Amino acid sequence: MPGTPEVIERAEQPYVAIRATVAMESIGAAAAHFPVMFEWLARHGSGPAGPDQLADITADLLAWAARNGLTFDATTTSEGERWACRLEDYLADPATGYRSYSAGQLARLNRLVALKELGFTLRQVRQLLDDEVPAEQLRGMLRLREAEIENQIAASEARLAHVRARLALVAGDSACADVLVKPIPAVRVAELSGIARSMDPDSIGPVVQDLFAQLGCALSTTGVQTTGPGIAYYTDAGDEDHVVVHACMPVNGAPAEASSFTITDLPAFSQAATTLYAGSMDYCLPIYQALGRWVEQAGYRGAGAHREITLSCPADRDQMVTEIQVPVEQLVGGP
């Protein structure tokens, strides 16, 4: 390094500049502006001056700052490190704008650029360049970087599947406008169950309404307090047609004496595709069909019994608001 870094106050000084925004991996694109600036300086009887050892000085300056407890104006983003800085270029060829490097400097610079393109931070690059990192440690760092990139690709592919599924909804499924994938917590409920002839809303509706009416009366009689909105879910009755309807109310305890309802713990799910439905559940079939298509197109499959959370149940059933929750799991390899 030419000298020990110093924190100094610079006197006012004129600069010639062309504003450009570049990432570290594409910083070489800024060199295209140098010939224009040097030509302009030459026409005005001026030129750049000073030493140019940017590749080594940058790494040394970072190490010096770390030893002295100094921090730079930099932030970490999802796309990498973003630095607020000023690069001053000295003693470049006024005719071409290119800087001159010795053979040793050029080899070091090429390796620095190659490591940056692999996604290593400047601190990691300095370690790899200066600390004689053993081959096994380098392999370990590259494997870790490989795993990070694979995770980023998997996350991007999942987001892409969600975008495609949302496009399909926008194109043809207005009934299911917004789908959110979120975890569902476990919940303790008081539950009554009954049998419906089929999953058709005309068959389900009367059964679930009667079950909730009975459950409300039973809870009132036993003094058990509810802690949340009603939950309905459905399971196979064991034949080709009938379905078991479960009407539940979240509770914070159990009755002191025997009652008509049972206390059940509904399990948690790490992921569920959820959407809000406004209207009578007598007409919910289109939103279930749309949600099922979204689940398939987004690269998921069902992972448990879906639930209906009654968020609002006024006298006018057309004004009901229900959250439909479908537990899902990601398909291996995506959609």
Foldseek 3Di string as FASTA:
>chain_A
DPDQDDDDDDDDDDDDDDDDDDDPLVVVVVLVCQLVVLVVQVVVPHHFADDDLVVVVVLVVVVSCVVVVHDFQWDADPVGIDHDDDDGDHDDDNNRSDRDDDPVSVVLVVQLSVVVVLPDDSNVSSCVSPVCDDPVVVVVVSVVSVVVVVVVVVVVLLVVLLVVLQVVCVVPNVQFNDKDKAKFAKFKKWKDKDKFQAPQLVGPVVRQVVRVVVVVVQCVVQVWDFDFFKKWWWDDPPDDTMIMIMIITGTDDDGPDDTPIDIDIGHIAGIKIKTKGQFAPNPCVSNVVSSVSSQVSSQKDFDDIKMKGFPDDDPHRGGTMIMIITHIDGHVPGD
